[in-house]
Amino acid sequence: MDYAFLVPVLLIAVVLFTLLLLVRSARIVNQYEKGIVMRMGKYHNLVSSGLTIIMPLTDSIIRVDMREQVISVPPQKLITKDNVTVEVDAVVYYKVVDPLKSQFEVQDFGYACTTLAQTNLRNLIGDRTLDETLVARDMINTNLRHVLDEATNGWGVKVTRVEVQKIDPPRDITEAMSRQMKAERDKRAAVLEAEGFKQSQILQAEGVKQSEILKAEGDAQARVTRANAEAEAIRLVSTAAETFFKDRAQVMRRLEVLNNTLAQNTKYIVPSNSGLVNVLGLDGAIGAAAGAAASGAMAPLKPPSAKG
């Protein structure tokens, strides 16, 4: 039997088997992953990202995603403290901090975390009334994250954030709450409108008051100014009269007395040095008469002519 043709076949088979072993021994771990090398079903070592060579027949590798991940907690109907049924769902954000514990301490972290979140949501919602539940969303998130973080700490996973997405009460409760909110808004609007009208009336009254006060002050100031002007005018007239018309007023009074006296055709002897002469303008006539009298006294007396 000629076995010469079997040698190339065997060589080709050995080369192919070697290449297959090399391919199975080379593993690539991504940047965001950690690799757990298992040898004969037992943990061997932990490898980082990059190319890793393992034993082709005895070793296997488990890749663990180290990025932050999210789990959606499906909606469930819960009963509040005041016996109102609400539908609640949530999301849980977590990150693997220990790849070994995340693989060896819990079988299915997603299912375990979802079940734990639903149970604790039931407890947290059951301890509050509907109104408290609606306004305590942040408190519920904080308490739920604290509980999940403590529970998952032994699983090599850290819960970074928990968010309750919706809290939906029944439709009739929602409609009643909408009517209540509408009535409350209408009440606040009416109060604000009344307050605005009140403030408007107060401001208008204050404006009228200030206007009247300013007008009265203006009138009083005008009266004072006019009174001062009239007083000043009277003072100036009095001063002028005192200065320029006092002597003439005395003369006028004397003329009136003289007129009344002469109206009775009575003869009076007025001294030449009397002020009445000056008033009547007779001082010139008296002077002429006095001069004539003096001339007559000094001229010589002519004897009377004899008629023949």
C-alpha atoms as a PDB file:
ATOM      1  CA  MET A   1       0.000   0.000   0.000  1.00  0.00           C
ATOM      2  CA  ASP A   2       1.394   3.339  -1.047  1.00  0.00           C
ATOM      3  CA  TYR A   3       1.250   5.892   1.754  1.00  0.00           C
ATOM      4  CA  ALA A   4       3.116   8.596  -0.103  1.00  0.00           C
ATOM      5  CA  PHE A   5      -0.034  10.606  -0.818  1.00  0.00           C
ATOM      6  CA  LEU A   6      -1.017  10.565   2.875  1.00  0.00           C
ATOM      7  CA  VAL A   7       1.946  12.658   3.977  1.00  0.00           C
ATOM      8  CA  PRO A   8       0.826  15.881   2.306  1.00  0.00           C
ATOM      9  CA  VAL A   9      -2.708  15.339   3.578  1.00  0.00           C
ATOM     10  CA  LEU A  10      -1.478  14.891   7.129  1.00  0.00           C
ATOM     11  CA  LEU A  11       0.699  17.976   6.871  1.00  0.00           C
ATOM     12  CA  ILE A  12      -2.204  20.020   5.628  1.00  0.00           C
ATOM     13  CA  ALA A  13      -4.381  18.694   8.447  1.00  0.00           C
ATOM     14  CA  VAL A  14      -1.744  19.555  11.062  1.00  0.00           C
ATOM     15  CA  VAL A  15      -1.377  23.081   9.683  1.00  0.00           C
ATOM     16  CA  LEU A  16      -5.133  23.622   9.659  1.00  0.00           C
ATOM     17  CA  PHE A  17      -5.447  22.294  13.211  1.00  0.00           C
ATOM     18  CA  THR A  18      -2.623  24.560  14.356  1.00  0.00           C
ATOM     19  CA  LEU A  19      -4.246  27.563  12.765  1.00  0.00           C
ATOM     20  CA  LEU A  20      -7.528  26.647  14.419  1.00  0.00           C
ATOM     21  CA  LEU A  21      -5.837  26.436  17.809  1.00  0.00           C
ATOM     22  CA  LEU A  22      -4.192  29.807  17.282  1.00  0.00           C
ATOM     23  CA  VAL A  23      -7.495  31.370  16.360  1.00  0.00           C
ATOM     24  CA  ARG A  24      -9.203  29.924  19.412  1.00  0.00           C
ATOM     25  CA  SER A  25      -6.372  31.012  21.703  1.00  0.00           C
ATOM     26  CA  ALA A  26      -6.452  34.656  20.582  1.00  0.00           C
ATOM     27  CA  ARG A  27      -9.122  36.809  22.242  1.00  0.00           C
ATOM     28  CA  ILE A  28      -9.784  40.529  21.948  1.00  0.00           C
ATOM     29  CA  VAL A  29     -11.175  42.445  24.927  1.00  0.00           C
ATOM     30  CA  ASN A  30     -12.716  45.852  24.155  1.00  0.00           C
ATOM     31  CA  GLN A  31     -11.709  49.098  25.843  1.00  0.00           C
ATOM     32  CA  TYR A  32     -14.849  49.224  28.016  1.00  0.00           C
ATOM     33  CA  GLU A  33     -14.633  45.566  29.067  1.00  0.00           C
ATOM     34  CA  LYS A  34     -12.785  43.347  31.491  1.00  0.00           C
ATOM     35  CA  GLY A  35     -11.966  39.728  30.664  1.00  0.00           C
ATOM     36  CA  ILE A  36     -12.325  36.859  33.129  1.00  0.00           C
ATOM     37  CA  VAL A  37     -10.245  33.856  32.068  1.00  0.00           C
ATOM     38  CA  MET A  38     -11.777  30.514  33.103  1.00  0.00           C
ATOM     39  CA  ARG A  39      -9.584  27.401  32.958  1.00  0.00           C
ATOM     40  CA  MET A  40     -11.315  24.069  33.171  1.00  0.00           C
ATOM     41  CA  GLY A  41     -14.420  25.878  34.602  1.00  0.00           C
ATOM     42  CA  LYS A  42     -12.434  27.656  37.310  1.00  0.00           C
ATOM     43  CA  TYR A  43     -11.365  31.258  37.590  1.00  0.00           C
ATOM     44  CA  HIS A  44      -7.809  31.691  36.359  1.00  0.00           C
ATOM     45  CA  ASN A  45      -7.086  35.408  35.993  1.00  0.00           C
ATOM     46  CA  LEU A  46      -8.485  38.796  35.017  1.00  0.00           C
ATOM     47  CA  VAL A  47      -7.265  40.441  31.839  1.00  0.00           C
ATOM     48  CA  SER A  48      -7.559  44.020  30.629  1.00  0.00           C
ATOM     49  CA  SER A  49      -8.591  45.324  27.237  1.00  0.00           C
ATOM     50  CA  GLY A  50      -6.573  44.377  24.155  1.00  0.00           C
ATOM     51  CA  LEU A  51      -5.325  41.125  22.646  1.00  0.00           C
ATOM     52  CA  THR A  52      -5.160  38.193  25.041  1.00  0.00           C
ATOM     53  CA  ILE A  53      -3.766  34.718  24.379  1.00  0.00           C
ATOM     54  CA  ILE A  54      -5.366  31.828  26.274  1.00  0.00           C
ATOM     55  CA  MET A  55      -5.064  28.084  26.176  1.00  0.00           C
ATOM     56  CA  PRO A  56      -7.155  26.981  23.218  1.00  0.00           C
ATOM     57  CA  LEU A  57      -8.718  23.849  24.643  1.00  0.00           C
ATOM     58  CA  THR A  58      -8.873  24.434  28.380  1.00  0.00           C
ATOM     59  CA  ASP A  59      -9.477  28.168  28.722  1.00  0.00           C
ATOM     60  CA  SER A  60     -12.450  30.370  28.021  1.00  0.00           C
ATOM     61  CA  ILE A  61     -13.021  34.078  28.536  1.00  0.00           C
ATOM     62  CA  ILE A  62     -16.014  35.998  29.938  1.00  0.00           C
ATOM     63  CA  ARG A  63     -16.309  39.631  28.928  1.00  0.00           C
ATOM     64  CA  VAL A  64     -17.830  42.017  31.507  1.00  0.00           C
ATOM     65  CA  ASP A  65     -19.124  45.430  30.384  1.00  0.00           C
ATOM     66  CA  MET A  66     -17.805  48.099  32.784  1.00  0.00           C
ATOM     67  CA  ARG A  67     -19.899  50.964  31.408  1.00  0.00           C
ATOM     68  CA  GLU A  68     -22.901  52.453  33.202  1.00  0.00           C
ATOM     69  CA  GLN A  69     -26.053  50.639  32.176  1.00  0.00           C
ATOM     70  CA  VAL A  70     -29.777  51.066  32.703  1.00  0.00           C
ATOM     71  CA  ILE A  71     -32.541  48.666  33.677  1.00  0.00           C
ATOM     72  CA  SER A  72     -36.178  49.529  33.072  1.00  0.00           C
ATOM     73  CA  VAL A  73     -38.554  48.542  35.857  1.00  0.00           C
ATOM     74  CA  PRO A  74     -41.895  47.690  34.177  1.00  0.00           C
ATOM     75  CA  PRO A  75     -45.064  49.509  35.328  1.00  0.00           C
ATOM     76  CA  GLN A  76     -46.962  47.986  38.245  1.00  0.00           C
ATOM     77  CA  LYS A  77     -50.129  48.930  40.091  1.00  0.00           C
ATOM     78  CA  LEU A  78     -49.550  49.938  43.695  1.00  0.00           C
ATOM     79  CA  ILE A  79     -51.906  51.004  46.486  1.00  0.00           C
ATOM     80  CA  THR A  80     -51.197  54.159  48.457  1.00  0.00           C
ATOM     81  CA  LYS A  81     -51.848  54.700  52.138  1.00  0.00           C
ATOM     82  CA  ASP A  82     -55.269  56.236  51.401  1.00  0.00           C
ATOM     83  CA  ASN A  83     -56.276  53.211  49.239  1.00  0.00           C
ATOM     84  CA  VAL A  84     -55.769  54.803  45.826  1.00  0.00           C
ATOM     85  CA  THR A  85     -54.381  52.592  43.064  1.00  0.00           C
ATOM     86  CA  VAL A  86     -51.544  54.162  41.112  1.00  0.00           C
ATOM     87  CA  GLU A  87     -49.412  52.850  38.288  1.00  0.00           C
ATOM     88  CA  VAL A  88     -45.669  53.350  38.844  1.00  0.00           C
ATOM     89  CA  ASP A  89     -42.572  52.538  36.813  1.00  0.00           C
ATOM     90  CA  ALA A  90     -38.908  53.419  37.168  1.00  0.00           C
ATOM     91  CA  VAL A  91     -35.433  53.135  35.674  1.00  0.00           C
ATOM     92  CA  VAL A  92     -32.292  52.036  37.498  1.00  0.00           C
ATOM     93  CA  TYR A  93     -28.796  53.130  36.459  1.00  0.00           C
ATOM     94  CA  TYR A  94     -25.929  50.918  37.633  1.00  0.00           C
ATOM     95  CA  LYS A  95     -22.265  50.277  37.004  1.00  0.00           C
ATOM     96  CA  VAL A  96     -20.134  47.172  37.573  1.00  0.00           C
ATOM     97  CA  VAL A  97     -17.291  47.891  39.979  1.00  0.00           C
ATOM     98  CA  ASP A  98     -16.145  44.278  40.587  1.00  0.00           C
ATOM     99  CA  PRO A  99     -16.417  42.010  37.520  1.00  0.00           C
ATOM    100  CA  LEU A 100     -15.735  38.851  39.524  1.00  0.00           C
ATOM    101  CA  LYS A 101     -18.581  39.406  41.992  1.00  0.00           C
ATOM    102  CA  SER A 102     -20.948  40.484  39.228  1.00  0.00           C
ATOM    103  CA  GLN A 103     -20.427  37.081  37.573  1.00  0.00           C
ATOM    104  CA  PHE A 104     -20.046  34.787  40.559  1.00  0.00           C
ATOM    105  CA  GLU A 105     -22.307  36.328  43.260  1.00  0.00           C
ATOM    106  CA  VAL A 106     -25.562  36.759  41.312  1.00  0.00           C
ATOM    107  CA  GLN A 107     -26.980  34.732  38.462  1.00  0.00           C
ATOM    108  CA  ASP A 108     -29.014  37.392  36.637  1.00  0.00           C
ATOM    109  CA  PHE A 109     -28.404  40.863  37.939  1.00  0.00           C
ATOM    110  CA  GLY A 110     -31.041  42.513  35.687  1.00  0.00           C
ATOM    111  CA  TYR A 111     -33.855  40.275  36.931  1.00  0.00           C
ATOM    112  CA  ALA A 112     -32.711  40.492  40.557  1.00  0.00           C
ATOM    113  CA  CYS A 113     -32.469  44.281  40.453  1.00  0.00           C
ATOM    114  CA  THR A 114     -35.880  44.664  38.765  1.00  0.00           C
ATOM    115  CA  THR A 115     -37.603  42.431  41.330  1.00  0.00           C
ATOM    116  CA  LEU A 116     -35.914  44.230  44.214  1.00  0.00           C
ATOM    117  CA  ALA A 117     -36.936  47.632  42.826  1.00  0.00           C
ATOM    118  CA  GLN A 118     -40.570  46.586  42.406  1.00  0.00           C
ATOM    119  CA  THR A 119     -40.733  45.268  45.973  1.00  0.00           C
ATOM    120  CA  ASN A 120     -39.254  48.403  47.496  1.00  0.00           C
ATOM    121  CA  LEU A 121     -41.474  50.651  45.370  1.00  0.00           C
ATOM    122  CA  ARG A 122     -44.469  48.824  46.780  1.00  0.00           C
ATOM    123  CA  ASN A 123     -43.269  49.525  50.317  1.00  0.00           C
ATOM    124  CA  LEU A 124     -42.407  53.180  49.658  1.00  0.00           C
ATOM    125  CA  ILE A 125     -45.696  53.989  47.913  1.00  0.00           C
ATOM    126  CA  GLY A 126     -47.753  52.094  50.512  1.00  0.00           C
ATOM    127  CA  ASP A 127     -46.418  54.304  53.319  1.00  0.00           C
ATOM    128  CA  ARG A 128     -47.645  57.558  51.694  1.00  0.00           C
ATOM    129  CA  THR A 129     -50.928  59.065  50.635  1.00  0.00           C
ATOM    130  CA  LEU A 130     -51.583  60.017  47.022  1.00  0.00           C
ATOM    131  CA  ASP A 131     -50.801  63.683  47.589  1.00  0.00           C
ATOM    132  CA  GLU A 132     -47.599  62.822  49.446  1.00  0.00           C
ATOM    133  CA  THR A 133     -46.595  60.398  46.701  1.00  0.00           C
ATOM    134  CA  LEU A 134     -47.065  62.984  43.973  1.00  0.00           C
ATOM    135  CA  VAL A 135     -44.921  65.583  45.715  1.00  0.00           C
ATOM    136  CA  ALA A 136     -42.311  63.195  47.194  1.00  0.00           C
ATOM    137  CA  ARG A 137     -40.869  61.893  43.926  1.00  0.00           C
ATOM    138  CA  ASP A 138     -37.317  62.992  44.807  1.00  0.00           C
ATOM    139  CA  MET A 139     -37.565  61.394  48.240  1.00  0.00           C
ATOM    140  CA  ILE A 140     -38.797  58.132  46.712  1.00  0.00           C
ATOM    141  CA  ASN A 141     -35.898  58.156  44.242  1.00  0.00           C
ATOM    142  CA  THR A 142     -33.377  58.732  47.025  1.00  0.00           C
ATOM    143  CA  ASN A 143     -34.781  56.035  49.318  1.00  0.00           C
ATOM    144  CA  LEU A 144     -35.040  53.492  46.508  1.00  0.00           C
ATOM    145  CA  ARG A 145     -31.471  54.142  45.369  1.00  0.00           C
ATOM    146  CA  HIS A 146     -30.222  53.757  48.943  1.00  0.00           C
ATOM    147  CA  VAL A 147     -31.982  50.399  49.353  1.00  0.00           C
ATOM    148  CA  LEU A 148     -30.806  49.050  45.989  1.00  0.00           C
ATOM    149  CA  ASP A 149     -27.253  50.222  46.590  1.00  0.00           C
ATOM    150  CA  GLU A 150     -27.060  48.364  49.893  1.00  0.00           C
ATOM    151  CA  ALA A 151     -28.561  45.217  48.367  1.00  0.00           C
ATOM    152  CA  THR A 152     -26.337  45.166  45.295  1.00  0.00           C
ATOM    153  CA  ASN A 153     -23.118  46.093  47.063  1.00  0.00           C
ATOM    154  CA  GLY A 154     -22.291  42.390  47.561  1.00  0.00           C
ATOM    155  CA  TRP A 155     -22.876  41.749  43.865  1.00  0.00           C
ATOM    156  CA  GLY A 156     -20.020  43.983  42.734  1.00  0.00           C
ATOM    157  CA  VAL A 157     -22.472  46.504  41.267  1.00  0.00           C
ATOM    158  CA  LYS A 158     -23.073  50.114  42.299  1.00  0.00           C
ATOM    159  CA  VAL A 159     -26.478  51.711  41.730  1.00  0.00           C
ATOM    160  CA  THR A 160     -25.710  55.265  40.647  1.00  0.00           C
ATOM    161  CA  ARG A 161     -29.193  56.662  40.090  1.00  0.00           C
ATOM    162  CA  VAL A 162     -32.864  55.703  40.336  1.00  0.00           C
ATOM    163  CA  GLU A 163     -35.652  57.676  38.659  1.00  0.00           C
ATOM    164  CA  VAL A 164     -39.373  57.110  39.053  1.00  0.00           C
ATOM    165  CA  GLN A 165     -40.725  57.905  35.596  1.00  0.00           C
ATOM    166  CA  LYS A 166     -44.457  58.206  36.154  1.00  0.00           C
ATOM    167  CA  ILE A 167     -47.008  57.962  38.937  1.00  0.00           C
ATOM    168  CA  ASP A 168     -50.419  57.683  37.283  1.00  0.00           C
ATOM    169  CA  PRO A 169     -53.544  57.687  39.477  1.00  0.00           C
ATOM    170  CA  PRO A 170     -56.913  56.428  38.100  1.00  0.00           C
ATOM    171  CA  ARG A 171     -58.722  58.525  35.512  1.00  0.00           C
ATOM    172  CA  ASP A 172     -61.509  59.700  37.840  1.00  0.00           C
ATOM    173  CA  ILE A 173     -58.925  60.796  40.428  1.00  0.00           C
ATOM    174  CA  THR A 174     -57.008  62.635  37.704  1.00  0.00           C
ATOM    175  CA  GLU A 175     -60.157  64.450  36.552  1.00  0.00           C
ATOM    176  CA  ALA A 176     -61.028  65.403  40.138  1.00  0.00           C
ATOM    177  CA  MET A 177     -57.498  66.701  40.664  1.00  0.00           C
ATOM    178  CA  SER A 178     -57.741  68.686  37.432  1.00  0.00           C
ATOM    179  CA  ARG A 179     -61.000  70.296  38.564  1.00  0.00           C
ATOM    180  CA  GLN A 180     -59.463  71.057  41.947  1.00  0.00           C
ATOM    181  CA  MET A 181     -56.426  72.643  40.363  1.00  0.00           C
ATOM    182  CA  LYS A 182     -58.619  74.646  37.989  1.00  0.00           C
ATOM    183  CA  ALA A 183     -60.746  75.900  40.888  1.00  0.00           C
ATOM    184  CA  GLU A 184     -57.597  76.802  42.814  1.00  0.00           C
ATOM    185  CA  ARG A 185     -56.196  78.704  39.836  1.00  0.00           C
ATOM    186  CA  ASP A 186     -59.515  80.512  39.334  1.00  0.00           C
ATOM    187  CA  LYS A 187     -59.518  81.431  43.012  1.00  0.00           C
ATOM    188  CA  ARG A 188     -55.965  82.780  42.840  1.00  0.00           C
ATOM    189  CA  ALA A 189     -56.811  84.671  39.663  1.00  0.00           C
ATOM    190  CA  ALA A 190     -59.881  86.242  41.302  1.00  0.00           C
ATOM    191  CA  VAL A 191     -57.864  87.175  44.392  1.00  0.00           C
ATOM    192  CA  LEU A 192     -55.106  88.700  42.277  1.00  0.00           C
ATOM    193  CA  GLU A 193     -57.646  90.597  40.177  1.00  0.00           C
ATOM    194  CA  ALA A 194     -59.377  91.956  43.291  1.00  0.00           C
ATOM    195  CA  GLU A 195     -56.040  92.885  44.807  1.00  0.00           C
ATOM    196  CA  GLY A 196     -55.040  94.630  41.609  1.00  0.00           C
ATOM    197  CA  PHE A 197     -58.320  96.567  41.499  1.00  0.00           C
ATOM    198  CA  LYS A 198     -57.853  97.528  45.149  1.00  0.00           C
ATOM    199  CA  GLN A 199     -54.334  98.745  44.533  1.00  0.00           C
ATOM    200  CA  SER A 200     -55.539 100.671  41.472  1.00  0.00           C
ATOM    201  CA  GLN A 201     -58.255 102.418  43.491  1.00  0.00           C
ATOM    202  CA  ILE A 202     -55.800 103.210  46.271  1.00  0.00           C
ATOM    203  CA  LEU A 203     -53.316 104.644  43.817  1.00  0.00           C
ATOM    204  CA  GLN A 204     -56.013 106.704  42.113  1.00  0.00           C
ATOM    205  CA  ALA A 205     -57.216 108.043  45.469  1.00  0.00           C
ATOM    206  CA  GLU A 206     -53.652 108.846  46.463  1.00  0.00           C
ATOM    207  CA  GLY A 207     -53.183 110.622  43.150  1.00  0.00           C
ATOM    208  CA  VAL A 208     -56.341 112.708  43.600  1.00  0.00           C
ATOM    209  CA  LYS A 209     -55.312 113.501  47.177  1.00  0.00           C
ATOM    210  CA  GLN A 210     -51.847 114.594  46.149  1.00  0.00           C
ATOM    211  CA  SER A 211     -53.324 116.643  43.297  1.00  0.00           C
ATOM    212  CA  GLU A 212     -55.745 118.425  45.657  1.00  0.00           C
ATOM    213  CA  ILE A 213     -52.985 119.055  48.176  1.00  0.00           C
ATOM    214  CA  LEU A 214     -50.696 120.488  45.529  1.00  0.00           C
ATOM    215  CA  LYS A 215     -53.527 122.586  44.112  1.00  0.00           C
ATOM    216  CA  ALA A 216     -54.416 123.965  47.576  1.00  0.00           C
ATOM    217  CA  GLU A 217     -50.765 124.700  48.280  1.00  0.00           C
ATOM    218  CA  GLY A 218     -50.535 126.456  44.924  1.00  0.00           C
ATOM    219  CA  ASP A 219     -53.645 128.566  45.630  1.00  0.00           C
ATOM    220  CA  ALA A 220     -52.383 129.481  49.097  1.00  0.00           C
ATOM    221  CA  GLN A 221     -48.997 130.439  47.688  1.00  0.00           C
ATOM    222  CA  ALA A 222     -50.694 132.541  44.983  1.00  0.00           C
ATOM    223  CA  ARG A 223     -52.850 134.315  47.557  1.00  0.00           C
ATOM    224  CA  VAL A 224     -49.842 135.027  49.726  1.00  0.00           C
ATOM    225  CA  THR A 225     -47.985 136.352  46.701  1.00  0.00           C
ATOM    226  CA  ARG A 226     -50.904 138.563  45.668  1.00  0.00           C
ATOM    227  CA  ALA A 227     -51.373 139.831  49.237  1.00  0.00           C
ATOM    228  CA  ASN A 228     -47.678 140.653  49.462  1.00  0.00           C
ATOM    229  CA  ALA A 229     -47.838 142.455  46.111  1.00  0.00           C
ATOM    230  CA  GLU A 230     -50.908 144.444  47.147  1.00  0.00           C
ATOM    231  CA  ALA A 231     -49.320 145.338  50.488  1.00  0.00           C
ATOM    232  CA  GLU A 232     -46.190 146.453  48.707  1.00  0.00           C
ATOM    233  CA  ALA A 233     -48.269 148.553  46.276  1.00  0.00           C
ATOM    234  CA  ILE A 234     -50.176 150.158  49.125  1.00  0.00           C
ATOM    235  CA  ARG A 235     -46.932 150.857  50.924  1.00  0.00           C
ATOM    236  CA  LEU A 236     -45.445 152.470  47.829  1.00  0.00           C
ATOM    237  CA  VAL A 237     -48.598 154.602  47.245  1.00  0.00           C
ATOM    238  CA  SER A 238     -48.625 155.655  50.895  1.00  0.00           C
ATOM    239  CA  THR A 239     -44.967 156.550  50.761  1.00  0.00           C
ATOM    240  CA  ALA A 240     -45.468 158.538  47.566  1.00  0.00           C
ATOM    241  CA  ALA A 241     -48.502 160.309  48.980  1.00  0.00           C
ATOM    242  CA  GLU A 242     -46.640 161.076  52.170  1.00  0.00           C
ATOM    243  CA  THR A 243     -43.707 162.383  50.189  1.00  0.00           C
ATOM    244  CA  PHE A 244     -45.320 164.308  47.297  1.00  0.00           C
ATOM    245  CA  PHE A 245     -48.966 165.089  48.110  1.00  0.00           C
ATOM    246  CA  LYS A 246     -49.049 166.088  51.780  1.00  0.00           C
ATOM    247  CA  ASP A 247     -48.541 169.842  51.189  1.00  0.00           C
ATOM    248  CA  ARG A 248     -50.991 169.917  48.291  1.00  0.00           C
ATOM    249  CA  ALA A 249     -53.602 168.155  50.349  1.00  0.00           C
ATOM    250  CA  GLN A 250     -53.302 170.867  52.980  1.00  0.00           C
ATOM    251  CA  VAL A 251     -53.680 173.544  50.313  1.00  0.00           C
ATOM    252  CA  MET A 252     -56.732 171.809  48.906  1.00  0.00           C
ATOM    253  CA  ARG A 253     -58.281 171.740  52.329  1.00  0.00           C
ATOM    254  CA  ARG A 254     -57.669 175.459  52.793  1.00  0.00           C
ATOM    255  CA  LEU A 255     -59.215 176.202  49.421  1.00  0.00           C
ATOM    256  CA  GLU A 256     -62.296 174.311  50.398  1.00  0.00           C
ATOM    257  CA  VAL A 257     -62.582 176.369  53.588  1.00  0.00           C
ATOM    258  CA  LEU A 258     -62.061 179.623  51.658  1.00  0.00           C
ATOM    259  CA  ASN A 259     -64.619 178.649  49.065  1.00  0.00           C
ATOM    260  CA  ASN A 260     -67.211 177.971  51.733  1.00  0.00           C
ATOM    261  CA  THR A 261     -66.397 181.287  53.391  1.00  0.00           C
ATOM    262  CA  LEU A 262     -66.497 183.468  50.297  1.00  0.00           C
ATOM    263  CA  ALA A 263     -69.715 181.867  49.142  1.00  0.00           C
ATOM    264  CA  GLN A 264     -71.503 183.863  51.894  1.00  0.00           C
ATOM    265  CA  ASN A 265     -70.276 187.268  50.433  1.00  0.00           C
ATOM    266  CA  THR A 266     -68.643 188.115  53.681  1.00  0.00           C
ATOM    267  CA  LYS A 267     -65.664 190.449  53.760  1.00  0.00           C
ATOM    268  CA  TYR A 268     -62.642 189.340  55.658  1.00  0.00           C
ATOM    269  CA  ILE A 269     -59.400 191.059  56.338  1.00  0.00           C
ATOM    270  CA  VAL A 270     -56.578 188.714  55.547  1.00  0.00           C
ATOM    271  CA  PRO A 271     -53.131 189.522  56.892  1.00  0.00           C
ATOM    272  CA  SER A 272     -50.484 189.906  54.259  1.00  0.00           C
ATOM    273  CA  ASN A 273     -48.357 187.347  55.910  1.00  0.00           C
ATOM    274  CA  SER A 274     -51.145 184.771  56.012  1.00  0.00           C
ATOM    275  CA  GLY A 275     -50.777 181.498  54.179  1.00  0.00           C
ATOM    276  CA  LEU A 276     -54.131 182.089  52.525  1.00  0.00           C
ATOM    277  CA  VAL A 277     -52.507 184.859  50.428  1.00  0.00           C
ATOM    278  CA  ASN A 278     -50.173 182.336  48.987  1.00  0.00           C
ATOM    279  CA  VAL A 279     -53.022 179.918  48.319  1.00  0.00           C
ATOM    280  CA  LEU A 280     -55.023 182.592  46.445  1.00  0.00           C
ATOM    281  CA  GLY A 281     -52.042 183.817  44.543  1.00  0.00           C
ATOM    282  CA  LEU A 282     -52.459 187.346  45.943  1.00  0.00           C
ATOM    283  CA  ASP A 283     -48.943 187.693  47.140  1.00  0.00           C
ATOM    284  CA  GLY A 284     -47.960 189.485  43.907  1.00  0.00           C
ATOM    285  CA  ALA A 285     -50.899 191.891  44.045  1.00  0.00           C
ATOM    286  CA  ILE A 286     -50.159 192.733  47.646  1.00  0.00           C
ATOM    287  CA  GLY A 287     -46.579 193.442  46.783  1.00  0.00           C
ATOM    288  CA  ALA A 288     -47.616 195.799  43.939  1.00  0.00           C
ATOM    289  CA  ALA A 289     -50.094 197.600  46.114  1.00  0.00           C
ATOM    290  CA  ALA A 290     -47.498 198.073  48.767  1.00  0.00           C
ATOM    291  CA  GLY A 291     -45.083 199.520  46.235  1.00  0.00           C
ATOM    292  CA  ALA A 292     -47.671 201.923  44.867  1.00  0.00           C
ATOM    293  CA  ALA A 293     -48.499 203.090  48.334  1.00  0.00           C
ATOM    294  CA  ALA A 294     -44.903 203.811  49.056  1.00  0.00           C
ATOM    295  CA  SER A 295     -44.513 205.855  45.854  1.00  0.00           C
ATOM    296  CA  GLY A 296     -47.555 207.941  46.650  1.00  0.00           C
ATOM    297  CA  ALA A 297     -46.264 208.772  50.059  1.00  0.00           C
ATOM    298  CA  MET A 298     -42.960 210.028  48.772  1.00  0.00           C
ATOM    299  CA  ALA A 299     -44.321 212.228  45.852  1.00  0.00           C
ATOM    300  CA  PRO A 300     -44.854 215.996  46.725  1.00  0.00           C
ATOM    301  CA  LEU A 301     -48.315 217.230  47.015  1.00  0.00           C
ATOM    302  CA  LYS A 302     -49.363 219.613  44.217  1.00  0.00           C
ATOM    303  CA  PRO A 303     -51.604 222.433  45.105  1.00  0.00           C
ATOM    304  CA  PRO A 304     -54.916 222.442  43.512  1.00  0.00           C
ATOM    305  CA  SER A 305     -55.036 224.580  40.375  1.00  0.00           C
ATOM    306  CA  ALA A 306     -57.241 227.621  40.472  1.00  0.00           C
ATOM    307  CA  LYS A 307     -59.735 228.051  37.847  1.00  0.00           C
ATOM    308  CA  GLY A 308     -59.922 231.277  36.634  1.00  0.00           C
END
